[in-house]
Amino acid sequence: MFIKNKKSIILTILFTSNNIFYTLTKLNGEVLFWTSVGSKKLKGTKKITVTTITLAMNSILNFVNEFKCNNIHIKFKGFNKNKRLAMKYLKQTSLNILSISDLTAMAHNGCRLSKMRRI
């Protein structure tokens, strides 16, 4: 699925209704660094704003520069109106983006329930 490169990592961005989580992992799944907007001492609806997304992205990019890794795969999960903004911000950096994927799970109403008992 991913291009095998010695210095490539995966950035997973999980958008929840109240928070945004960022996780940097190696290709085998070993976590290198993680952060969230809530860990930046913000509460409530302030966590889902444009400035907080860029604030958390800057801490991720600082770690990537220290790790000396330019090749990155990006995974998005969850629904948020700022997903495009995060993608645009990552494209403006000097990182070599190898792949972008959206892994948002879509509900399909599930299995049919069993017949209800009548009394």
PDB file of N, CA and C in Angstrom:
ATOM      1  N   MET A   1       0.820  -1.191   0.000  1.00  0.00           N
ATOM      2  CA  MET A   1       0.000   0.000   0.000  1.00  0.00           C
ATOM      3  C   MET A   1       0.864   1.255   0.000  1.00  0.00           C
ATOM      4  N   PHE A   2       1.949   1.253   0.766  1.00  0.00           N
ATOM      5  CA  PHE A   2       2.816   2.415   0.837  1.00  0.00           C
ATOM      6  C   PHE A   2       4.146   2.123   0.174  1.00  0.00           C
ATOM      7  N   ILE A   3       4.784   3.155  -0.332  1.00  0.00           N
ATOM      8  CA  ILE A   3       6.100   3.022  -0.932  1.00  0.00           C
ATOM      9  C   ILE A   3       7.104   2.782   0.181  1.00  0.00           C
ATOM     10  N   LYS A   4       7.859   1.704   0.066  1.00  0.00           N
ATOM     11  CA  LYS A   4       8.854   1.380   1.089  1.00  0.00           C
ATOM     12  C   LYS A   4      10.038   2.320   0.929  1.00  0.00           C
ATOM     13  N   ASN A   5      10.222   3.178   1.877  1.00  0.00           N
ATOM     14  CA  ASN A   5      11.339   4.100   1.876  1.00  0.00           C
ATOM     15  C   ASN A   5      11.894   4.131   3.286  1.00  0.00           C
ATOM     16  N   LYS A   6      13.203   4.217   3.393  1.00  0.00           N
ATOM     17  CA  LYS A   6      13.832   4.152   4.709  1.00  0.00           C
ATOM     18  C   LYS A   6      13.378   5.300   5.607  1.00  0.00           C
ATOM     19  N   LYS A   7      13.193   6.461   5.036  1.00  0.00           N
ATOM     20  CA  LYS A   7      12.843   7.632   5.825  1.00  0.00           C
ATOM     21  C   LYS A   7      11.435   8.135   5.510  1.00  0.00           C
ATOM     22  N   SER A   8      10.460   7.255   5.452  1.00  0.00           N
ATOM     23  CA  SER A   8       9.091   7.708   5.236  1.00  0.00           C
ATOM     24  C   SER A   8       8.250   7.374   6.465  1.00  0.00           C
ATOM     25  N   ILE A   9       7.332   8.262   6.794  1.00  0.00           N
ATOM     26  CA  ILE A   9       6.478   8.105   7.965  1.00  0.00           C
ATOM     27  C   ILE A   9       5.029   8.356   7.568  1.00  0.00           C
ATOM     28  N   ILE A  10       4.114   7.999   8.472  1.00  0.00           N
ATOM     29  CA  ILE A  10       2.680   8.161   8.237  1.00  0.00           C
ATOM     30  C   ILE A  10       2.132   9.176   9.238  1.00  0.00           C
ATOM     31  N   LEU A  11       1.421  10.173   8.752  1.00  0.00           N
ATOM     32  CA  LEU A  11       0.733  11.145   9.597  1.00  0.00           C
ATOM     33  C   LEU A  11      -0.756  10.853   9.524  1.00  0.00           C
ATOM     34  N   THR A  12      -1.349  10.471  10.659  1.00  0.00           N
ATOM     35  CA  THR A  12      -2.782  10.211  10.727  1.00  0.00           C
ATOM     36  C   THR A  12      -3.446  11.364  11.466  1.00  0.00           C
ATOM     37  N   ILE A  13      -4.444  11.960  10.843  1.00  0.00           N
ATOM     38  CA  ILE A  13      -5.177  13.074  11.447  1.00  0.00           C
ATOM     39  C   ILE A  13      -6.609  12.610  11.677  1.00  0.00           C
ATOM     40  N   LEU A  14      -7.015  12.550  12.941  1.00  0.00           N
ATOM     41  CA  LEU A  14      -8.355  12.096  13.319  1.00  0.00           C
ATOM     42  C   LEU A  14      -9.174  13.296  13.773  1.00  0.00           C
ATOM     43  N   PHE A  15     -10.237  13.592  13.030  1.00  0.00           N
ATOM     44  CA  PHE A  15     -11.144  14.684  13.371  1.00  0.00           C
ATOM     45  C   PHE A  15     -12.321  14.109  14.143  1.00  0.00           C
ATOM     46  N   THR A  16     -12.479  14.488  15.401  1.00  0.00           N
ATOM     47  CA  THR A  16     -13.663  14.121  16.160  1.00  0.00           C
ATOM     48  C   THR A  16     -14.552  15.353  16.278  1.00  0.00           C
ATOM     49  N   SER A  17     -15.678  15.212  16.936  1.00  0.00           N
ATOM     50  CA  SER A  17     -16.593  16.349  17.029  1.00  0.00           C
ATOM     51  C   SER A  17     -16.044  17.452  17.923  1.00  0.00           C
ATOM     52  N   ASN A  18     -15.194  17.095  18.894  1.00  0.00           N
ATOM     53  CA  ASN A  18     -14.698  18.093  19.838  1.00  0.00           C
ATOM     54  C   ASN A  18     -13.190  18.268  19.843  1.00  0.00           C
ATOM     55  N   ASN A  19     -12.445  17.470  19.077  1.00  0.00           N
ATOM     56  CA  ASN A  19     -10.994  17.526  19.159  1.00  0.00           C
ATOM     57  C   ASN A  19     -10.396  17.031  17.845  1.00  0.00           C
ATOM     58  N   ILE A  20      -9.101  17.272  17.678  1.00  0.00           N
ATOM     59  CA  ILE A  20      -8.362  16.785  16.516  1.00  0.00           C
ATOM     60  C   ILE A  20      -7.087  16.128  17.027  1.00  0.00           C
ATOM     61  N   PHE A  21      -6.839  14.881  16.624  1.00  0.00           N
ATOM     62  CA  PHE A  21      -5.670  14.128  17.060  1.00  0.00           C
ATOM     63  C   PHE A  21      -4.715  13.936  15.892  1.00  0.00           C
ATOM     64  N   TYR A  22      -3.420  14.133  16.143  1.00  0.00           N
ATOM     65  CA  TYR A  22      -2.375  13.937  15.149  1.00  0.00           C
ATOM     66  C   TYR A  22      -1.444  12.845  15.659  1.00  0.00           C
ATOM     67  N   THR A  23      -1.142  11.852  14.815  1.00  0.00           N
ATOM     68  CA  THR A  23      -0.260  10.761  15.199  1.00  0.00           C
ATOM     69  C   THR A  23       0.752  10.526  14.088  1.00  0.00           C
ATOM     70  N   LEU A  24       2.041  10.538  14.445  1.00  0.00           N
ATOM     71  CA  LEU A  24       3.111  10.204  13.507  1.00  0.00           C
ATOM     72  C   LEU A  24       3.584   8.794  13.807  1.00  0.00           C
ATOM     73  N   THR A  25       3.568   7.921  12.809  1.00  0.00           N
ATOM     74  CA  THR A  25       3.997   6.544  13.005  1.00  0.00           C
ATOM     75  C   THR A  25       4.981   6.142  11.915  1.00  0.00           C
ATOM     76  N   LYS A  26       5.733   5.082  12.203  1.00  0.00           N
ATOM     77  CA  LYS A  26       6.559   4.465  11.170  1.00  0.00           C
ATOM     78  C   LYS A  26       5.651   3.615  10.295  1.00  0.00           C
ATOM     79  N   LEU A  27       6.211   3.031   9.241  1.00  0.00           N
ATOM     80  CA  LEU A  27       5.397   2.211   8.345  1.00  0.00           C
ATOM     81  C   LEU A  27       4.886   0.947   9.015  1.00  0.00           C
ATOM     82  N   ASN A  28       5.598   0.458  10.042  1.00  0.00           N
ATOM     83  CA  ASN A  28       5.145  -0.748  10.738  1.00  0.00           C
ATOM     84  C   ASN A  28       4.134  -0.447  11.841  1.00  0.00           C
ATOM     85  N   GLY A  29       3.811   0.824  12.098  1.00  0.00           N
ATOM     86  CA  GLY A  29       2.796   1.194  13.075  1.00  0.00           C
ATOM     87  C   GLY A  29       3.341   1.678  14.399  1.00  0.00           C
ATOM     88  N   GLU A  30       4.658   1.728  14.549  1.00  0.00           N
ATOM     89  CA  GLU A  30       5.261   2.197  15.796  1.00  0.00           C
ATOM     90  C   GLU A  30       5.078   3.709  15.915  1.00  0.00           C
ATOM     91  N   VAL A  31       4.499   4.158  17.022  1.00  0.00           N
ATOM     92  CA  VAL A  31       4.192   5.573  17.212  1.00  0.00           C
ATOM     93  C   VAL A  31       5.472   6.331  17.550  1.00  0.00           C
ATOM     94  N   LEU A  32       5.740   7.385  16.775  1.00  0.00           N
ATOM     95  CA  LEU A  32       6.896   8.236  17.015  1.00  0.00           C
ATOM     96  C   LEU A  32       6.521   9.461  17.844  1.00  0.00           C
ATOM     97  N   PHE A  33       5.377  10.072  17.529  1.00  0.00           N
ATOM     98  CA  PHE A  33       4.971  11.320  18.171  1.00  0.00           C
ATOM     99  C   PHE A  33       3.470  11.471  17.997  1.00  0.00           C
ATOM    100  N   TRP A  34       2.811  12.012  18.997  1.00  0.00           N
ATOM    101  CA  TRP A  34       1.386  12.306  18.874  1.00  0.00           C
ATOM    102  C   TRP A  34       1.105  13.608  19.599  1.00  0.00           C
ATOM    103  N   THR A  35       0.077  14.275  19.168  1.00  0.00           N
ATOM    104  CA  THR A  35      -0.394  15.483  19.830  1.00  0.00           C
ATOM    105  C   THR A  35      -1.872  15.665  19.485  1.00  0.00           C
ATOM    106  N   SER A  36      -2.514  16.510  20.247  1.00  0.00           N
ATOM    107  CA  SER A  36      -3.904  16.857  19.957  1.00  0.00           C
ATOM    108  C   SER A  36      -4.087  18.336  20.237  1.00  0.00           C
ATOM    109  N   VAL A  37      -5.163  18.873  19.723  1.00  0.00           N
ATOM    110  CA  VAL A  37      -5.442  20.287  19.957  1.00  0.00           C
ATOM    111  C   VAL A  37      -5.803  20.500  21.421  1.00  0.00           C
ATOM    112  N   GLY A  38      -6.434  19.516  22.048  1.00  0.00           N
ATOM    113  CA  GLY A  38      -6.778  19.617  23.462  1.00  0.00           C
ATOM    114  C   GLY A  38      -5.561  19.603  24.366  1.00  0.00           C
ATOM    115  N   SER A  39      -4.452  19.007  23.920  1.00  0.00           N
ATOM    116  CA  SER A  39      -3.235  18.995  24.733  1.00  0.00           C
ATOM    117  C   SER A  39      -2.518  20.335  24.709  1.00  0.00           C
ATOM    118  N   LYS A  40      -2.976  21.253  23.880  1.00  0.00           N
ATOM    119  CA  LYS A  40      -2.413  22.605  23.817  1.00  0.00           C
ATOM    120  C   LYS A  40      -3.126  23.561  24.773  1.00  0.00           C
ATOM    121  N   LYS A  41      -3.805  23.012  25.789  1.00  0.00           N
ATOM    122  CA  LYS A  41      -4.488  23.782  26.842  1.00  0.00           C
ATOM    123  C   LYS A  41      -5.657  24.614  26.316  1.00  0.00           C
ATOM    124  N   LEU A  42      -6.376  24.095  25.331  1.00  0.00           N
ATOM    125  CA  LEU A  42      -7.566  24.765  24.820  1.00  0.00           C
ATOM    126  C   LEU A  42      -8.787  23.933  25.169  1.00  0.00           C
ATOM    127  N   LYS A  43      -9.901  24.599  25.428  1.00  0.00           N
ATOM    128  CA  LYS A  43     -11.108  23.891  25.841  1.00  0.00           C
ATOM    129  C   LYS A  43     -12.289  24.310  24.988  1.00  0.00           C
ATOM    130  N   GLY A  44     -13.248  23.402  24.883  1.00  0.00           N
ATOM    131  CA  GLY A  44     -14.519  23.719  24.235  1.00  0.00           C
ATOM    132  C   GLY A  44     -14.413  23.890  22.731  1.00  0.00           C
ATOM    133  N   THR A  45     -15.179  24.841  22.213  1.00  0.00           N
ATOM    134  CA  THR A  45     -15.240  25.047  20.771  1.00  0.00           C
ATOM    135  C   THR A  45     -13.995  25.729  20.221  1.00  0.00           C
ATOM    136  N   LYS A  46     -13.118  26.226  21.092  1.00  0.00           N
ATOM    137  CA  LYS A  46     -11.875  26.841  20.624  1.00  0.00           C
ATOM    138  C   LYS A  46     -10.946  25.815  19.986  1.00  0.00           C
ATOM    139  N   LYS A  47     -11.187  24.527  20.270  1.00  0.00           N
ATOM    140  CA  LYS A  47     -10.306  23.483  19.757  1.00  0.00           C
ATOM    141  C   LYS A  47     -10.477  23.249  18.259  1.00  0.00           C
ATOM    142  N   ILE A  48     -11.613  23.630  17.696  1.00  0.00           N
ATOM    143  CA  ILE A  48     -11.873  23.359  16.282  1.00  0.00           C
ATOM    144  C   ILE A  48     -11.849  24.673  15.504  1.00  0.00           C
ATOM    145  N   THR A  49     -10.758  25.397  15.566  1.00  0.00           N
ATOM    146  CA  THR A  49     -10.618  26.627  14.806  1.00  0.00           C
ATOM    147  C   THR A  49      -9.384  26.539  13.918  1.00  0.00           C
ATOM    148  N   VAL A  50      -9.275  27.483  13.002  1.00  0.00           N
ATOM    149  CA  VAL A  50      -8.179  27.487  12.036  1.00  0.00           C
ATOM    150  C   VAL A  50      -6.839  27.686  12.727  1.00  0.00           C
ATOM    151  N   THR A  51      -6.785  28.577  13.694  1.00  0.00           N
ATOM    152  CA  THR A  51      -5.510  28.873  14.351  1.00  0.00           C
ATOM    153  C   THR A  51      -5.006  27.698  15.175  1.00  0.00           C
ATOM    154  N   THR A  52      -5.906  26.958  15.799  1.00  0.00           N
ATOM    155  CA  THR A  52      -5.464  25.820  16.603  1.00  0.00           C
ATOM    156  C   THR A  52      -4.982  24.671  15.726  1.00  0.00           C
ATOM    157  N   ILE A  53      -5.573  24.516  14.544  1.00  0.00           N
ATOM    158  CA  ILE A  53      -5.106  23.479  13.623  1.00  0.00           C
ATOM    159  C   ILE A  53      -3.680  23.783  13.182  1.00  0.00           C
ATOM    160  N   THR A  54      -3.409  25.031  12.841  1.00  0.00           N
ATOM    161  CA  THR A  54      -2.056  25.396  12.423  1.00  0.00           C
ATOM    162  C   THR A  54      -1.076  25.319  13.587  1.00  0.00           C
ATOM    163  N   LEU A  55      -1.532  25.600  14.801  1.00  0.00           N
ATOM    164  CA  LEU A  55      -0.671  25.498  15.980  1.00  0.00           C
ATOM    165  C   LEU A  55      -0.216  24.060  16.207  1.00  0.00           C
ATOM    166  N   ALA A  56      -1.146  23.121  16.108  1.00  0.00           N
ATOM    167  CA  ALA A  56      -0.790  21.712  16.286  1.00  0.00           C
ATOM    168  C   ALA A  56       0.046  21.202  15.117  1.00  0.00           C
ATOM    169  N   MET A  57      -0.230  21.675  13.907  1.00  0.00           N
ATOM    170  CA  MET A  57       0.565  21.268  12.744  1.00  0.00           C
ATOM    171  C   MET A  57       2.010  21.732  12.871  1.00  0.00           C
ATOM    172  N   ASN A  58       2.211  22.907  13.449  1.00  0.00           N
ATOM    173  CA  ASN A  58       3.578  23.405  13.633  1.00  0.00           C
ATOM    174  C   ASN A  58       4.373  22.506  14.562  1.00  0.00           C
ATOM    175  N   SER A  59       3.756  21.998  15.617  1.00  0.00           N
ATOM    176  CA  SER A  59       4.473  21.093  16.516  1.00  0.00           C
ATOM    177  C   SER A  59       4.790  19.773  15.818  1.00  0.00           C
ATOM    178  N   ILE A  60       3.888  19.301  14.957  1.00  0.00           N
ATOM    179  CA  ILE A  60       4.157  18.093  14.169  1.00  0.00           C
ATOM    180  C   ILE A  60       5.322  18.340  13.215  1.00  0.00           C
ATOM    181  N   LEU A  61       5.305  19.477  12.521  1.00  0.00           N
ATOM    182  CA  LEU A  61       6.357  19.771  11.548  1.00  0.00           C
ATOM    183  C   LEU A  61       7.710  19.968  12.218  1.00  0.00           C
ATOM    184  N   ASN A  62       7.727  20.516  13.425  1.00  0.00           N
ATOM    185  CA  ASN A  62       8.988  20.643  14.160  1.00  0.00           C
ATOM    186  C   ASN A  62       9.576  19.280  14.464  1.00  0.00           C
ATOM    187  N   PHE A  63       8.732  18.326  14.853  1.00  0.00           N
ATOM    188  CA  PHE A  63       9.223  16.978  15.131  1.00  0.00           C
ATOM    189  C   PHE A  63       9.730  16.305  13.859  1.00  0.00           C
ATOM    190  N   VAL A  64       9.024  16.500  12.742  1.00  0.00           N
ATOM    191  CA  VAL A  64       9.444  15.894  11.475  1.00  0.00           C
ATOM    192  C   VAL A  64      10.797  16.448  11.045  1.00  0.00           C
ATOM    193  N   ASN A  65      11.014  17.744  11.251  1.00  0.00           N
ATOM    194  CA  ASN A  65      12.306  18.338  10.902  1.00  0.00           C
ATOM    195  C   ASN A  65      13.420  17.809  11.793  1.00  0.00           C
ATOM    196  N   GLU A  66      13.148  17.584  13.077  1.00  0.00           N
ATOM    197  CA  GLU A  66      14.150  17.004  13.970  1.00  0.00           C
ATOM    198  C   GLU A  66      14.438  15.554  13.600  1.00  0.00           C
ATOM    199  N   PHE A  67      13.422  14.840  13.154  1.00  0.00           N
ATOM    200  CA  PHE A  67      13.560  13.430  12.778  1.00  0.00           C
ATOM    201  C   PHE A  67      14.247  13.287  11.420  1.00  0.00           C
ATOM    202  N   LYS A  68      14.366  14.398  10.689  1.00  0.00           N
ATOM    203  CA  LYS A  68      14.994  14.459   9.366  1.00  0.00           C
ATOM    204  C   LYS A  68      14.330  13.501   8.379  1.00  0.00           C
ATOM    205  N   CYS A  69      13.032  13.623   8.290  1.00  0.00           N
ATOM    206  CA  CYS A  69      12.258  12.788   7.374  1.00  0.00           C
ATOM    207  C   CYS A  69      11.406  13.695   6.500  1.00  0.00           C
ATOM    208  N   ASN A  70      11.565  13.586   5.184  1.00  0.00           N
ATOM    209  CA  ASN A  70      10.809  14.444   4.276  1.00  0.00           C
ATOM    210  C   ASN A  70       9.673  13.717   3.574  1.00  0.00           C
ATOM    211  N   ASN A  71       9.753  12.396   3.478  1.00  0.00           N
ATOM    212  CA  ASN A  71       8.716  11.624   2.785  1.00  0.00           C
ATOM    213  C   ASN A  71       7.617  11.259   3.771  1.00  0.00           C
ATOM    214  N   ILE A  72       6.374  11.593   3.418  1.00  0.00           N
ATOM    215  CA  ILE A  72       5.283  11.404   4.368  1.00  0.00           C
ATOM    216  C   ILE A  72       4.029  10.917   3.642  1.00  0.00           C
ATOM    217  N   HIS A  73       3.318  10.005   4.277  1.00  0.00           N
ATOM    218  CA  HIS A  73       2.002   9.551   3.837  1.00  0.00           C
ATOM    219  C   HIS A  73       0.987  10.174   4.791  1.00  0.00           C
ATOM    220  N   ILE A  74      -0.137  10.646   4.270  1.00  0.00           N
ATOM    221  CA  ILE A  74      -1.136  11.326   5.094  1.00  0.00           C
ATOM    222  C   ILE A  74      -2.441  10.538   5.054  1.00  0.00           C
ATOM    223  N   LYS A  75      -3.018  10.289   6.242  1.00  0.00           N
ATOM    224  CA  LYS A  75      -4.319   9.628   6.367  1.00  0.00           C
ATOM    225  C   LYS A  75      -5.254  10.565   7.123  1.00  0.00           C
ATOM    226  N   PHE A  76      -6.449  10.755   6.606  1.00  0.00           N
ATOM    227  CA  PHE A  76      -7.474  11.543   7.274  1.00  0.00           C
ATOM    228  C   PHE A  76      -8.580  10.615   7.738  1.00  0.00           C
ATOM    229  N   LYS A  77      -9.102  10.862   8.953  1.00  0.00           N
ATOM    230  CA  LYS A  77     -10.239  10.112   9.476  1.00  0.00           C
ATOM    231  C   LYS A  77     -11.209  11.102  10.102  1.00  0.00           C
ATOM    232  N   GLY A  78     -12.494  10.889   9.898  1.00  0.00           N
ATOM    233  CA  GLY A  78     -13.504  11.721  10.537  1.00  0.00           C
ATOM    234  C   GLY A  78     -14.015  12.828   9.640  1.00  0.00           C
ATOM    235  N   PHE A  79     -15.072  13.477  10.112  1.00  0.00           N
ATOM    236  CA  PHE A  79     -15.717  14.559   9.383  1.00  0.00           C
ATOM    237  C   PHE A  79     -15.393  15.887  10.050  1.00  0.00           C
ATOM    238  N   ASN A  80     -15.024  16.867   9.236  1.00  0.00           N
ATOM    239  CA  ASN A  80     -14.796  18.215   9.739  1.00  0.00           C
ATOM    240  C   ASN A  80     -14.738  19.158   8.552  1.00  0.00           C
ATOM    241  N   LYS A  81     -15.191  20.384   8.766  1.00  0.00           N
ATOM    242  CA  LYS A  81     -15.154  21.358   7.686  1.00  0.00           C
ATOM    243  C   LYS A  81     -13.738  21.870   7.436  1.00  0.00           C
ATOM    244  N   ASN A  82     -12.824  21.675   8.378  1.00  0.00           N
ATOM    245  CA  ASN A  82     -11.459  22.173   8.240  1.00  0.00           C
ATOM    246  C   ASN A  82     -10.494  21.131   7.683  1.00  0.00           C
ATOM    247  N   LYS A  83     -11.001  20.046   7.155  1.00  0.00           N
ATOM    248  CA  LYS A  83     -10.136  18.993   6.609  1.00  0.00           C
ATOM    249  C   LYS A  83      -9.356  19.505   5.402  1.00  0.00           C
ATOM    250  N   ARG A  84     -10.018  20.275   4.559  1.00  0.00           N
ATOM    251  CA  ARG A  84      -9.341  20.842   3.385  1.00  0.00           C
ATOM    252  C   ARG A  84      -8.273  21.841   3.802  1.00  0.00           C
ATOM    253  N   LEU A  85      -8.527  22.576   4.854  1.00  0.00           N
ATOM    254  CA  LEU A  85      -7.546  23.543   5.332  1.00  0.00           C
ATOM    255  C   LEU A  85      -6.280  22.839   5.812  1.00  0.00           C
ATOM    256  N   ALA A  86      -6.436  21.721   6.503  1.00  0.00           N
ATOM    257  CA  ALA A  86      -5.279  20.962   6.972  1.00  0.00           C
ATOM    258  C   ALA A  86      -4.482  20.423   5.790  1.00  0.00           C
ATOM    259  N   MET A  87      -5.188  19.950   4.757  1.00  0.00           N
ATOM    260  CA  MET A  87      -4.512  19.440   3.574  1.00  0.00           C
ATOM    261  C   MET A  87      -3.758  20.559   2.855  1.00  0.00           C
ATOM    262  N   LYS A  88      -4.380  21.716   2.764  1.00  0.00           N
ATOM    263  CA  LYS A  88      -3.754  22.863   2.109  1.00  0.00           C
ATOM    264  C   LYS A  88      -2.512  23.313   2.872  1.00  0.00           C
ATOM    265  N   TYR A  89      -2.591  23.291   4.195  1.00  0.00           N
ATOM    266  CA  TYR A  89      -1.455  23.694   5.019  1.00  0.00           C
ATOM    267  C   TYR A  89      -0.286  22.727   4.848  1.00  0.00           C
ATOM    268  N   LEU A  90      -0.575  21.425   4.749  1.00  0.00           N
ATOM    269  CA  LEU A  90       0.485  20.435   4.572  1.00  0.00           C
ATOM    270  C   LEU A  90       1.124  20.532   3.189  1.00  0.00           C
ATOM    271  N   LYS A  91       0.354  20.898   2.172  1.00  0.00           N
ATOM    272  CA  LYS A  91       0.913  21.032   0.828  1.00  0.00           C
ATOM    273  C   LYS A  91       1.861  22.221   0.721  1.00  0.00           C
ATOM    274  N   GLN A  92       1.677  23.235   1.558  1.00  0.00           N
ATOM    275  CA  GLN A  92       2.532  24.417   1.516  1.00  0.00           C
ATOM    276  C   GLN A  92       3.890  24.184   2.159  1.00  0.00           C
ATOM    277  N   THR A  93       4.041  23.104   2.905  1.00  0.00           N
ATOM    278  CA  THR A  93       5.309  22.828   3.573  1.00  0.00           C
ATOM    279  C   THR A  93       6.294  22.212   2.591  1.00  0.00           C
ATOM    280  N   SER A  94       7.523  22.014   3.060  1.00  0.00           N
ATOM    281  CA  SER A  94       8.572  21.459   2.204  1.00  0.00           C
ATOM    282  C   SER A  94       8.591  19.936   2.223  1.00  0.00           C
ATOM    283  N   LEU A  95       7.554  19.308   2.783  1.00  0.00           N
ATOM    284  CA  LEU A  95       7.506  17.851   2.855  1.00  0.00           C
ATOM    285  C   LEU A  95       7.171  17.249   1.491  1.00  0.00           C
ATOM    286  N   ASN A  96       7.720  16.065   1.245  1.00  0.00           N
ATOM    287  CA  ASN A  96       7.404  15.320   0.032  1.00  0.00           C
ATOM    288  C   ASN A  96       6.235  14.391   0.351  1.00  0.00           C
ATOM    289  N   ILE A  97       5.033  14.757  -0.075  1.00  0.00           N
ATOM    290  CA  ILE A  97       3.830  13.979   0.226  1.00  0.00           C
ATOM    291  C   ILE A  97       3.725  12.851  -0.793  1.00  0.00           C
ATOM    292  N   LEU A  98       3.823  11.613  -0.305  1.00  0.00           N
ATOM    293  CA  LEU A  98       3.779  10.446  -1.184  1.00  0.00           C
ATOM    294  C   LEU A  98       2.355   9.996  -1.466  1.00  0.00           C
ATOM    295  N   SER A  99       1.468  10.076  -0.473  1.00  0.00           N
ATOM    296  CA  SER A  99       0.076   9.673  -0.687  1.00  0.00           C
ATOM    297  C   SER A  99      -0.825  10.393   0.302  1.00  0.00           C
ATOM    298  N   ILE A 100      -2.066  10.613  -0.131  1.00  0.00           N
ATOM    299  CA  ILE A 100      -3.103  11.193   0.723  1.00  0.00           C
ATOM    300  C   ILE A 100      -4.310  10.269   0.643  1.00  0.00           C
ATOM    301  N   SER A 101      -4.792   9.804   1.800  1.00  0.00           N
ATOM    302  CA  SER A 101      -5.952   8.912   1.793  1.00  0.00           C
ATOM    303  C   SER A 101      -6.944   9.344   2.862  1.00  0.00           C
ATOM    304  N   ASP A 102      -8.223   9.122   2.568  1.00  0.00           N
ATOM    305  CA  ASP A 102      -9.300   9.440   3.497  1.00  0.00           C
ATOM    306  C   ASP A 102      -9.928   8.128   3.949  1.00  0.00           C
ATOM    307  N   LEU A 103      -9.811   7.800   5.226  1.00  0.00           N
ATOM    308  CA  LEU A 103     -10.276   6.531   5.768  1.00  0.00           C
ATOM    309  C   LEU A 103     -11.513   6.696   6.641  1.00  0.00           C
ATOM    310  N   THR A 104     -12.335   7.680   6.342  1.00  0.00           N
ATOM    311  CA  THR A 104     -13.533   7.934   7.125  1.00  0.00           C
ATOM    312  C   THR A 104     -14.528   6.793   6.945  1.00  0.00           C
ATOM    313  N   ALA A 105     -14.968   6.224   8.051  1.00  0.00           N
ATOM    314  CA  ALA A 105     -15.924   5.118   8.015  1.00  0.00           C
ATOM    315  C   ALA A 105     -17.330   5.676   7.802  1.00  0.00           C
ATOM    316  N   MET A 106     -18.018   5.134   6.813  1.00  0.00           N
ATOM    317  CA  MET A 106     -19.374   5.573   6.522  1.00  0.00           C
ATOM    318  C   MET A 106     -20.362   4.521   7.013  1.00  0.00           C
ATOM    319  N   ALA A 107     -21.384   4.948   7.740  1.00  0.00           N
ATOM    320  CA  ALA A 107     -22.406   4.030   8.233  1.00  0.00           C
ATOM    321  C   ALA A 107     -23.304   3.598   7.078  1.00  0.00           C
ATOM    322  N   HIS A 108     -23.734   2.348   7.085  1.00  0.00           N
ATOM    323  CA  HIS A 108     -24.624   1.846   6.036  1.00  0.00           C
ATOM    324  C   HIS A 108     -25.830   1.136   6.643  1.00  0.00           C
ATOM    325  N   ASN A 109     -26.268   1.572   7.806  1.00  0.00           N
ATOM    326  CA  ASN A 109     -27.438   1.104   8.546  1.00  0.00           C
ATOM    327  C   ASN A 109     -27.280  -0.275   9.163  1.00  0.00           C
ATOM    328  N   GLY A 110     -26.202  -0.975   8.916  1.00  0.00           N
ATOM    329  CA  GLY A 110     -25.885  -2.204   9.620  1.00  0.00           C
ATOM    330  C   GLY A 110     -26.777  -3.382   9.274  1.00  0.00           C
ATOM    331  N   CYS A 111     -26.758  -4.379  10.149  1.00  0.00           N
ATOM    332  CA  CYS A 111     -27.527  -5.610   9.945  1.00  0.00           C
ATOM    333  C   CYS A 111     -28.984  -5.399  10.360  1.00  0.00           C
ATOM    334  N   ARG A 112     -29.838  -6.225   9.814  1.00  0.00           N
ATOM    335  CA  ARG A 112     -31.250  -6.153  10.151  1.00  0.00           C
ATOM    336  C   ARG A 112     -31.466  -6.733  11.545  1.00  0.00           C
ATOM    337  N   LEU A 113     -32.316  -6.069  12.335  1.00  0.00           N
ATOM    338  CA  LEU A 113     -32.627  -6.540  13.671  1.00  0.00           C
ATOM    339  C   LEU A 113     -33.513  -7.777  13.605  1.00  0.00           C
ATOM    340  N   SER A 114     -33.423  -8.590  14.655  1.00  0.00           N
ATOM    341  CA  SER A 114     -34.274  -9.778  14.708  1.00  0.00           C
ATOM    342  C   SER A 114     -35.726  -9.366  14.976  1.00  0.00           C
ATOM    343  N   LYS A 115     -36.636 -10.273  14.653  1.00  0.00           N
ATOM    344  CA  LYS A 115     -38.065  -9.997  14.783  1.00  0.00           C
ATOM    345  C   LYS A 115     -38.424  -9.737  16.246  1.00  0.00           C
ATOM    346  N   MET A 116     -39.217  -8.681  16.486  1.00  0.00           N
ATOM    347  CA  MET A 116     -39.608  -8.329  17.846  1.00  0.00           C
ATOM    348  C   MET A 116     -40.641  -9.321  18.375  1.00  0.00           C
ATOM    349  N   ARG A 117     -40.554  -9.634  19.644  1.00  0.00           N
ATOM    350  CA  ARG A 117     -41.470 -10.573  20.283  1.00  0.00           C
ATOM    351  C   ARG A 117     -42.780  -9.866  20.619  1.00  0.00           C
ATOM    352  N   ARG A 118     -43.906 -10.489  20.308  1.00  0.00           N
ATOM    353  CA  ARG A 118     -45.211  -9.930  20.658  1.00  0.00           C
ATOM    354  C   ARG A 118     -45.733 -10.624  21.897  1.00  0.00           C
ATOM    355  N   ILE A 119     -46.286  -9.842  22.794  1.00  0.00           N
ATOM    356  CA  ILE A 119     -46.833 -10.424  24.036  1.00  0.00           C
ATOM    357  C   ILE A 119     -48.327 -10.244  24.064  1.00  0.00           C
TER     358      ILE A 119
END
